[in-house]
Amino acid sequence: MALVIENEELLRLAAAEAANRGVTVSELVESALRKELTPPSSGKAERIRALIKRVNQDRPKSDLSSDHSWLYDENGMPC
């Protein structure tokens, strides 16, 4: 399959950049397309981590336990 580029300036720029990088024009075009087609990170995960860190910053470290017995009465029913 061929990609036809009829813009002489674009061909010149692509050839010059490919030569600068030591790659072929095909490799240059493939790299550029892959970069453009990769969805940008929304940063959502980083914002969630920052929020969790802010929420937990004043929480005492000794409060970290897997003991949840205080949630149940003497018959094992939730309080």
C-alpha atoms as a PDB file:
ATOM      1  CA  MET A   1       0.000   0.000   0.000  1.00  0.00           C
ATOM      2  CA  ALA A   2       1.350   3.424  -0.880  1.00  0.00           C
ATOM      3  CA  LEU A   3       0.931   6.829   0.652  1.00  0.00           C
ATOM      4  CA  VAL A   4       1.086   9.571  -1.955  1.00  0.00           C
ATOM      5  CA  ILE A   5       2.210  13.009  -0.817  1.00  0.00           C
ATOM      6  CA  GLU A   6       1.937  15.645  -3.518  1.00  0.00           C
ATOM      7  CA  ASN A   7       3.030  18.602  -1.403  1.00  0.00           C
ATOM      8  CA  GLU A   8       6.688  19.278  -2.275  1.00  0.00           C
ATOM      9  CA  GLU A   9       7.358  21.265   0.917  1.00  0.00           C
ATOM     10  CA  LEU A  10       5.953  18.468   3.046  1.00  0.00           C
ATOM     11  CA  LEU A  11       8.111  15.924   1.239  1.00  0.00           C
ATOM     12  CA  ARG A  12      11.188  18.093   1.783  1.00  0.00           C
ATOM     13  CA  LEU A  13      10.443  18.529   5.485  1.00  0.00           C
ATOM     14  CA  ALA A  14       9.752  14.816   5.979  1.00  0.00           C
ATOM     15  CA  ALA A  15      12.958  13.817   4.205  1.00  0.00           C
ATOM     16  CA  ALA A  16      15.013  16.323   6.216  1.00  0.00           C
ATOM     17  CA  GLU A  17      13.556  15.217   9.557  1.00  0.00           C
ATOM     18  CA  ALA A  18      13.956  11.538   8.689  1.00  0.00           C
ATOM     19  CA  ALA A  19      17.607  12.185   7.844  1.00  0.00           C
ATOM     20  CA  ASN A  20      18.082  14.074  11.147  1.00  0.00           C
ATOM     21  CA  ARG A  21      16.671  11.127  13.083  1.00  0.00           C
ATOM     22  CA  GLY A  22      18.422   8.479  11.032  1.00  0.00           C
ATOM     23  CA  VAL A  23      15.190   6.771   9.986  1.00  0.00           C
ATOM     24  CA  THR A  24      13.279   6.330   6.767  1.00  0.00           C
ATOM     25  CA  VAL A  25      10.424   8.633   5.816  1.00  0.00           C
ATOM     26  CA  SER A  26       8.056   5.682   6.312  1.00  0.00           C
ATOM     27  CA  GLU A  27       9.334   5.156   9.853  1.00  0.00           C
ATOM     28  CA  LEU A  28       9.013   8.873  10.548  1.00  0.00           C
ATOM     29  CA  VAL A  29       5.414   8.963   9.320  1.00  0.00           C
ATOM     30  CA  GLU A  30       4.538   5.812  11.290  1.00  0.00           C
ATOM     31  CA  SER A  31       6.042   7.242  14.476  1.00  0.00           C
ATOM     32  CA  ALA A  32       4.213  10.547  14.056  1.00  0.00           C
ATOM     33  CA  LEU A  33       0.889   8.833  13.394  1.00  0.00           C
ATOM     34  CA  ARG A  34       1.247   6.501  16.377  1.00  0.00           C
ATOM     35  CA  LYS A  35       2.023   9.466  18.606  1.00  0.00           C
ATOM     36  CA  GLU A  36      -1.004  11.402  17.340  1.00  0.00           C
ATOM     37  CA  LEU A  37      -3.344   8.427  17.614  1.00  0.00           C
ATOM     38  CA  THR A  38      -2.392   7.625  21.202  1.00  0.00           C
ATOM     39  CA  PRO A  39      -5.064   9.147  23.429  1.00  0.00           C
ATOM     40  CA  PRO A  40      -3.659  11.692  25.849  1.00  0.00           C
ATOM     41  CA  SER A  41      -3.776  10.832  29.537  1.00  0.00           C
ATOM     42  CA  SER A  42      -6.600  12.656  31.242  1.00  0.00           C
ATOM     43  CA  GLY A  43      -4.691  12.718  34.496  1.00  0.00           C
ATOM     44  CA  LYS A  44      -7.755  11.287  36.223  1.00  0.00           C
ATOM     45  CA  ALA A  45      -5.772   8.611  38.072  1.00  0.00           C
ATOM     46  CA  GLU A  46      -3.287  11.200  39.340  1.00  0.00           C
ATOM     47  CA  ARG A  47      -6.111  13.455  40.562  1.00  0.00           C
ATOM     48  CA  ILE A  48      -7.746  10.530  42.389  1.00  0.00           C
ATOM     49  CA  ARG A  49      -4.445   9.582  44.059  1.00  0.00           C
ATOM     50  CA  ALA A  50      -3.924  13.199  45.164  1.00  0.00           C
ATOM     51  CA  LEU A  51      -7.447  13.333  46.587  1.00  0.00           C
ATOM     52  CA  ILE A  52      -6.941  10.080  48.531  1.00  0.00           C
ATOM     53  CA  LYS A  53      -3.657  11.394  49.889  1.00  0.00           C
ATOM     54  CA  ARG A  54      -5.313  14.650  51.027  1.00  0.00           C
ATOM     55  CA  VAL A  55      -8.192  12.781  52.674  1.00  0.00           C
ATOM     56  CA  ASN A  56      -5.841  10.442  54.536  1.00  0.00           C
ATOM     57  CA  GLN A  57      -3.149  12.954  55.495  1.00  0.00           C
ATOM     58  CA  ASP A  58      -4.549  13.626  59.007  1.00  0.00           C
ATOM     59  CA  ARG A  59      -5.689  10.070  59.661  1.00  0.00           C
ATOM     60  CA  PRO A  60      -3.652   8.418  62.416  1.00  0.00           C
ATOM     61  CA  LYS A  61      -1.541   5.535  61.178  1.00  0.00           C
ATOM     62  CA  SER A  62      -2.573   3.416  64.195  1.00  0.00           C
ATOM     63  CA  ASP A  63      -6.156   3.450  62.877  1.00  0.00           C
ATOM     64  CA  LEU A  64      -5.170   1.119  60.048  1.00  0.00           C
ATOM     65  CA  SER A  65      -6.567  -2.246  61.104  1.00  0.00           C
ATOM     66  CA  SER A  66      -8.600  -5.105  59.700  1.00  0.00           C
ATOM     67  CA  ASP A  67     -10.517  -5.472  63.001  1.00  0.00           C
ATOM     68  CA  HIS A  68     -14.133  -4.636  62.285  1.00  0.00           C
ATOM     69  CA  SER A  69     -15.631  -6.259  65.365  1.00  0.00           C
ATOM     70  CA  TRP A  70     -16.971  -2.893  66.519  1.00  0.00           C
ATOM     71  CA  LEU A  71     -19.458  -3.056  63.626  1.00  0.00           C
ATOM     72  CA  TYR A  72     -21.264  -6.088  65.140  1.00  0.00           C
ATOM     73  CA  ASP A  73     -23.154  -6.729  68.360  1.00  0.00           C
ATOM     74  CA  GLU A  74     -22.724  -9.748  70.653  1.00  0.00           C
ATOM     75  CA  ASN A  75     -24.960 -11.865  68.374  1.00  0.00           C
ATOM     76  CA  GLY A  76     -22.931 -11.092  65.253  1.00  0.00           C
ATOM     77  CA  MET A  77     -25.552  -8.739  63.870  1.00  0.00           C
ATOM     78  CA  PRO A  78     -24.575  -5.392  62.372  1.00  0.00           C
ATOM     79  CA  CYS A  79     -25.043  -2.520  64.795  1.00  0.00           C
END
